[in-house]
């Protein structure tokens, strides 16, 4: 899923929780 979603600078923290 992490590969599908781009590494956003702002959504970095939010993405971390979603990925986990």
N, C-alpha and C. Protein backbone atom coordinates (compact mmCIF):
# COMPACT_ATOMS: atom_id res chain seq x y z
N UNK A 1 0.83 -1.21 0.00
CA UNK A 1 0.00 0.00 0.00
C UNK A 1 0.87 1.26 0.00
N UNK A 2 1.98 1.15 0.70
CA UNK A 2 2.90 2.29 0.77
C UNK A 2 3.44 2.63 -0.62
N UNK A 3 3.60 1.60 -1.44
CA UNK A 3 4.14 1.77 -2.79
C UNK A 3 3.12 2.48 -3.68
N UNK A 4 1.84 2.18 -3.44
CA UNK A 4 0.78 2.76 -4.25
C UNK A 4 0.62 4.25 -3.94
N UNK A 5 0.78 4.59 -2.65
CA UNK A 5 0.63 5.98 -2.24
C UNK A 5 1.97 6.70 -2.28
N UNK A 6 2.00 7.91 -2.84
CA UNK A 6 3.23 8.70 -2.95
C UNK A 6 3.65 9.27 -1.60
N UNK A 7 4.95 9.44 -1.36
CA UNK A 7 5.48 9.97 -0.11
C UNK A 7 5.24 11.46 0.03
N UNK A 8 4.10 11.83 0.56
CA UNK A 8 3.78 13.24 0.73
C UNK A 8 4.48 13.81 1.95
N UNK A 9 4.95 15.05 1.84
CA UNK A 9 5.66 15.73 2.94
C UNK A 9 4.71 16.08 4.09
N UNK A 10 3.49 16.49 3.74
CA UNK A 10 2.52 16.90 4.76
C UNK A 10 1.79 15.68 5.32
N UNK A 11 1.47 14.74 4.44
CA UNK A 11 0.74 13.54 4.86
C UNK A 11 1.70 12.45 5.31
N UNK A 12 2.97 12.83 5.52
CA UNK A 12 3.97 11.86 5.94
C UNK A 12 3.60 11.23 7.28
N UNK A 13 3.27 12.08 8.25
CA UNK A 13 2.89 11.59 9.58
C UNK A 13 1.60 10.82 9.52
N UNK A 14 0.63 11.34 8.77
CA UNK A 14 -0.68 10.69 8.66
C UNK A 14 -0.54 9.35 7.94
N UNK A 15 0.29 9.32 6.93
CA UNK A 15 0.50 8.10 6.15
C UNK A 15 1.16 7.02 7.01
N UNK A 16 2.03 7.44 7.91
CA UNK A 16 2.72 6.50 8.78
C UNK A 16 1.73 5.71 9.62
N UNK A 17 0.73 6.40 10.14
CA UNK A 17 -0.29 5.76 10.98
C UNK A 17 -1.17 4.86 10.13
N UNK A 18 -1.47 5.30 8.92
CA UNK A 18 -2.33 4.53 8.02
C UNK A 18 -1.62 3.27 7.55
N UNK A 19 -0.34 3.39 7.26
CA UNK A 19 0.44 2.26 6.79
C UNK A 19 0.62 1.23 7.90
N UNK A 20 0.83 1.71 9.11
CA UNK A 20 1.03 0.83 10.27
C UNK A 20 -0.26 0.09 10.57
